[in-house]
C-alpha cells in the first residue's frame, strides 16, 4: 500500500453488517495515517469498484471474510490470533 507516498487513494471498507468495533478501529487507523501522511483514507461500507481497498473484518463474524476464506483468497491460519 502506498499510504506514505500518497500515490493511490486508499479506502477502508467495512461491510454494512460489520461490527461497530471494526468500524471504530478503521476510523482510528485512518486518522493515524492522516497524522503521518496528511491524507485521510475514506472509511466506507460501499465496496469501491477500483482503487486501493483495505478490507476490515473480524474472522468468524464477517460474511465477507468467511467468503474470502472459503474461496482461498485469505489464509485463515495466518490471520487468526493464537
N, C-alpha and C. Protein backbone atom coordinates (compact mmCIF):
# COMPACT_ATOMS: atom_id res chain seq x y z
N UNK A 1 0.83 -1.18 0.00
CA UNK A 1 0.00 0.00 0.00
C UNK A 1 0.88 1.24 0.00
N UNK A 2 0.44 2.23 -0.68
CA UNK A 2 1.22 3.44 -0.83
C UNK A 2 0.67 4.58 0.02
N UNK A 3 0.45 4.35 1.30
CA UNK A 3 -0.06 5.38 2.18
C UNK A 3 0.87 6.59 2.22
N UNK A 4 2.13 6.33 2.45
CA UNK A 4 3.08 7.41 2.69
C UNK A 4 3.30 8.23 1.43
N UNK A 5 3.40 7.59 0.31
CA UNK A 5 3.66 8.31 -0.93
C UNK A 5 2.42 9.00 -1.46
N UNK A 6 1.23 8.57 -0.99
CA UNK A 6 0.01 9.20 -1.45
C UNK A 6 -0.27 8.96 -2.92
N UNK A 7 0.28 7.89 -3.48
CA UNK A 7 0.10 7.62 -4.90
C UNK A 7 -1.33 7.20 -5.21
N UNK A 8 -1.89 6.36 -4.36
CA UNK A 8 -3.24 5.87 -4.58
C UNK A 8 -4.17 6.36 -3.49
N UNK A 9 -5.41 6.53 -3.86
CA UNK A 9 -6.44 6.84 -2.88
C UNK A 9 -6.83 5.53 -2.20
N UNK A 10 -6.64 5.45 -0.91
CA UNK A 10 -6.93 4.23 -0.17
C UNK A 10 -8.28 4.35 0.51
N UNK A 11 -9.06 3.28 0.42
CA UNK A 11 -10.37 3.21 1.05
C UNK A 11 -10.36 2.07 2.05
N UNK A 12 -10.85 2.32 3.25
CA UNK A 12 -11.04 1.28 4.25
C UNK A 12 -12.49 0.82 4.12
N UNK A 13 -12.69 -0.42 3.71
CA UNK A 13 -14.04 -0.95 3.53
C UNK A 13 -14.44 -1.79 4.73
N UNK A 14 -15.57 -1.42 5.36
CA UNK A 14 -16.17 -2.21 6.43
C UNK A 14 -17.56 -2.56 5.93
N UNK A 15 -17.83 -3.85 5.76
CA UNK A 15 -19.13 -4.26 5.21
C UNK A 15 -20.26 -3.72 6.07
N UNK A 16 -21.44 -3.50 5.47
CA UNK A 16 -22.57 -2.93 6.22
C UNK A 16 -22.91 -3.70 7.50
N UNK A 17 -22.75 -5.02 7.48
CA UNK A 17 -23.05 -5.82 8.67
C UNK A 17 -21.83 -5.97 9.59
N UNK A 18 -20.79 -5.22 9.31
CA UNK A 18 -19.57 -5.28 10.12
C UNK A 18 -19.80 -4.77 11.54
N UNK A 19 -19.03 -5.28 12.46
CA UNK A 19 -19.14 -4.88 13.86
C UNK A 19 -18.77 -3.41 14.04
N UNK A 20 -19.43 -2.73 14.95
CA UNK A 20 -19.14 -1.33 15.21
C UNK A 20 -17.69 -1.15 15.66
N UNK A 21 -17.16 -2.11 16.41
CA UNK A 21 -15.77 -2.03 16.85
C UNK A 21 -14.80 -2.03 15.67
N UNK A 22 -15.11 -2.78 14.64
CA UNK A 22 -14.27 -2.81 13.43
C UNK A 22 -14.33 -1.45 12.75
N UNK A 23 -15.51 -0.89 12.67
CA UNK A 23 -15.68 0.43 12.06
C UNK A 23 -14.89 1.49 12.85
N UNK A 24 -14.96 1.43 14.17
CA UNK A 24 -14.26 2.38 15.04
C UNK A 24 -12.74 2.26 14.85
N UNK A 25 -12.23 1.03 14.80
CA UNK A 25 -10.80 0.82 14.59
C UNK A 25 -10.37 1.34 13.22
N UNK A 26 -11.19 1.09 12.19
CA UNK A 26 -10.86 1.58 10.85
C UNK A 26 -10.75 3.10 10.84
N UNK A 27 -11.68 3.78 11.51
CA UNK A 27 -11.61 5.25 11.58
C UNK A 27 -10.37 5.72 12.33
N UNK A 28 -10.03 5.02 13.41
CA UNK A 28 -8.85 5.38 14.20
C UNK A 28 -7.57 5.21 13.38
N UNK A 29 -7.45 4.10 12.68
CA UNK A 29 -6.26 3.86 11.85
C UNK A 29 -6.20 4.87 10.72
N UNK A 30 -7.35 5.21 10.13
CA UNK A 30 -7.37 6.22 9.07
C UNK A 30 -6.85 7.55 9.59
N UNK A 31 -7.24 7.93 10.81
CA UNK A 31 -6.76 9.19 11.40
C UNK A 31 -5.26 9.12 11.69
N UNK A 32 -4.78 7.94 12.11
CA UNK A 32 -3.34 7.78 12.34
C UNK A 32 -2.57 7.97 11.03
N UNK A 33 -3.10 7.42 9.96
CA UNK A 33 -2.45 7.58 8.65
C UNK A 33 -2.45 9.04 8.24
N UNK A 34 -3.56 9.73 8.51
CA UNK A 34 -3.62 11.15 8.20
C UNK A 34 -2.58 11.94 8.99
N UNK A 35 -2.38 11.57 10.26
CA UNK A 35 -1.41 12.28 11.08
C UNK A 35 0.01 12.16 10.52
N UNK A 36 0.28 11.04 9.86
CA UNK A 36 1.62 10.80 9.32
C UNK A 36 1.76 11.33 7.90
N UNK A 37 0.72 11.13 7.08
CA UNK A 37 0.84 11.44 5.66
C UNK A 37 0.15 12.72 5.23
N UNK A 38 -0.77 13.22 6.06
CA UNK A 38 -1.57 14.38 5.66
C UNK A 38 -2.77 14.01 4.83
N UNK A 39 -2.96 12.73 4.55
CA UNK A 39 -4.08 12.27 3.74
C UNK A 39 -4.97 11.35 4.57
N UNK A 40 -6.28 11.62 4.58
CA UNK A 40 -7.22 10.82 5.34
C UNK A 40 -7.88 9.79 4.44
N UNK A 41 -7.59 8.49 4.65
CA UNK A 41 -8.27 7.46 3.88
C UNK A 41 -9.77 7.48 4.20
N UNK A 42 -10.57 7.22 3.20
CA UNK A 42 -12.01 7.13 3.38
C UNK A 42 -12.35 5.82 4.09
N UNK A 43 -13.33 5.86 5.00
CA UNK A 43 -13.88 4.66 5.62
C UNK A 43 -15.32 4.56 5.14
N UNK A 44 -15.66 3.44 4.49
CA UNK A 44 -16.97 3.33 3.87
C UNK A 44 -17.53 1.92 3.99
N UNK A 45 -18.86 1.81 3.81
CA UNK A 45 -19.50 0.49 3.76
C UNK A 45 -19.94 0.15 2.34
N UNK A 46 -19.43 0.91 1.37
CA UNK A 46 -19.68 0.61 -0.05
C UNK A 46 -18.37 0.17 -0.68
N UNK A 47 -18.33 -1.05 -1.17
CA UNK A 47 -17.11 -1.59 -1.76
C UNK A 47 -16.82 -0.90 -3.09
N UNK A 48 -15.70 -0.19 -3.18
CA UNK A 48 -15.36 0.50 -4.43
C UNK A 48 -15.09 -0.50 -5.55
N UNK A 49 -15.35 -0.05 -6.77
CA UNK A 49 -15.11 -0.91 -7.93
C UNK A 49 -13.64 -0.95 -8.32
N UNK A 50 -12.89 0.07 -7.93
CA UNK A 50 -11.46 0.09 -8.26
C UNK A 50 -10.71 0.87 -7.20
N UNK A 51 -9.42 0.91 -7.33
CA UNK A 51 -8.59 1.61 -6.37
C UNK A 51 -8.03 0.67 -5.32
N UNK A 52 -7.34 1.25 -4.39
CA UNK A 52 -6.69 0.50 -3.32
C UNK A 52 -7.67 0.36 -2.15
N UNK A 53 -8.05 -0.88 -1.82
CA UNK A 53 -9.06 -1.13 -0.79
C UNK A 53 -8.47 -1.98 0.31
N UNK A 54 -8.62 -1.52 1.54
CA UNK A 54 -8.23 -2.30 2.70
C UNK A 54 -9.54 -2.78 3.33
N UNK A 55 -9.75 -4.10 3.30
CA UNK A 55 -10.99 -4.68 3.83
C UNK A 55 -10.81 -4.95 5.32
N UNK A 56 -11.72 -4.43 6.12
CA UNK A 56 -11.65 -4.55 7.57
C UNK A 56 -12.76 -5.48 8.05
N UNK A 57 -12.39 -6.53 8.78
CA UNK A 57 -13.40 -7.50 9.20
C UNK A 57 -12.88 -8.32 10.37
N UNK A 58 -13.78 -9.07 10.98
CA UNK A 58 -13.45 -9.99 12.06
C UNK A 58 -13.73 -11.41 11.59
N UNK A 59 -12.71 -12.25 11.60
CA UNK A 59 -12.90 -13.64 11.17
C UNK A 59 -13.95 -14.31 12.05
N UNK A 60 -14.84 -15.06 11.40
CA UNK A 60 -15.89 -15.76 12.11
C UNK A 60 -17.11 -14.91 12.40
N UNK A 61 -17.02 -13.62 12.14
CA UNK A 61 -18.16 -12.72 12.37
C UNK A 61 -18.44 -11.84 11.16
N UNK A 62 -17.81 -12.16 10.06
CA UNK A 62 -17.93 -11.34 8.86
C UNK A 62 -18.27 -12.21 7.66
N UNK A 63 -19.46 -12.01 7.06
CA UNK A 63 -19.80 -12.76 5.85
C UNK A 63 -18.75 -12.58 4.75
N UNK A 64 -18.21 -11.36 4.60
CA UNK A 64 -17.20 -11.11 3.57
C UNK A 64 -15.94 -11.93 3.83
N UNK A 65 -15.44 -11.87 5.06
CA UNK A 65 -14.22 -12.62 5.39
C UNK A 65 -14.45 -14.12 5.25
N UNK A 66 -15.62 -14.60 5.66
CA UNK A 66 -15.93 -16.02 5.52
C UNK A 66 -15.94 -16.45 4.05
N UNK A 67 -16.49 -15.60 3.18
CA UNK A 67 -16.49 -15.93 1.74
C UNK A 67 -15.06 -15.96 1.20
N UNK A 68 -14.24 -14.99 1.58
CA UNK A 68 -12.86 -14.95 1.10
C UNK A 68 -12.06 -16.15 1.62
N UNK A 69 -12.31 -16.57 2.86
CA UNK A 69 -11.66 -17.77 3.39
C UNK A 69 -12.09 -19.01 2.61
N UNK A 70 -13.38 -19.13 2.35
CA UNK A 70 -13.92 -20.30 1.63
C UNK A 70 -13.35 -20.39 0.22
N UNK A 71 -13.12 -19.26 -0.42
CA UNK A 71 -12.57 -19.24 -1.78
C UNK A 71 -11.05 -19.37 -1.80
N UNK A 72 -10.43 -19.34 -0.63
CA UNK A 72 -8.97 -19.46 -0.58
C UNK A 72 -8.24 -18.16 -0.83
N UNK A 73 -8.96 -17.05 -0.88
CA UNK A 73 -8.33 -15.75 -1.10
C UNK A 73 -7.56 -15.34 0.15
N UNK A 74 -8.12 -15.64 1.32
CA UNK A 74 -7.45 -15.41 2.60
C UNK A 74 -7.00 -16.74 3.17
N UNK A 75 -5.90 -16.72 3.87
CA UNK A 75 -5.41 -17.92 4.56
C UNK A 75 -5.62 -17.70 6.05
N UNK A 76 -6.67 -18.30 6.57
CA UNK A 76 -7.08 -18.09 7.94
C UNK A 76 -6.03 -18.44 8.97
N UNK A 77 -5.24 -19.46 8.71
CA UNK A 77 -4.23 -19.86 9.70
C UNK A 77 -3.19 -18.77 9.92
N UNK A 78 -3.03 -17.89 8.97
CA UNK A 78 -2.07 -16.80 9.11
C UNK A 78 -2.69 -15.56 9.73
N UNK A 79 -4.03 -15.52 9.78
CA UNK A 79 -4.72 -14.34 10.29
C UNK A 79 -5.26 -14.50 11.70
N UNK A 80 -5.59 -15.74 12.06
CA UNK A 80 -6.20 -15.96 13.38
C UNK A 80 -5.18 -15.73 14.48
N UNK A 81 -5.65 -15.11 15.56
CA UNK A 81 -4.80 -14.93 16.73
C UNK A 81 -4.59 -16.26 17.43
N UNK A 82 -3.57 -16.33 18.27
CA UNK A 82 -3.31 -17.59 18.96
C UNK A 82 -4.02 -17.67 20.29
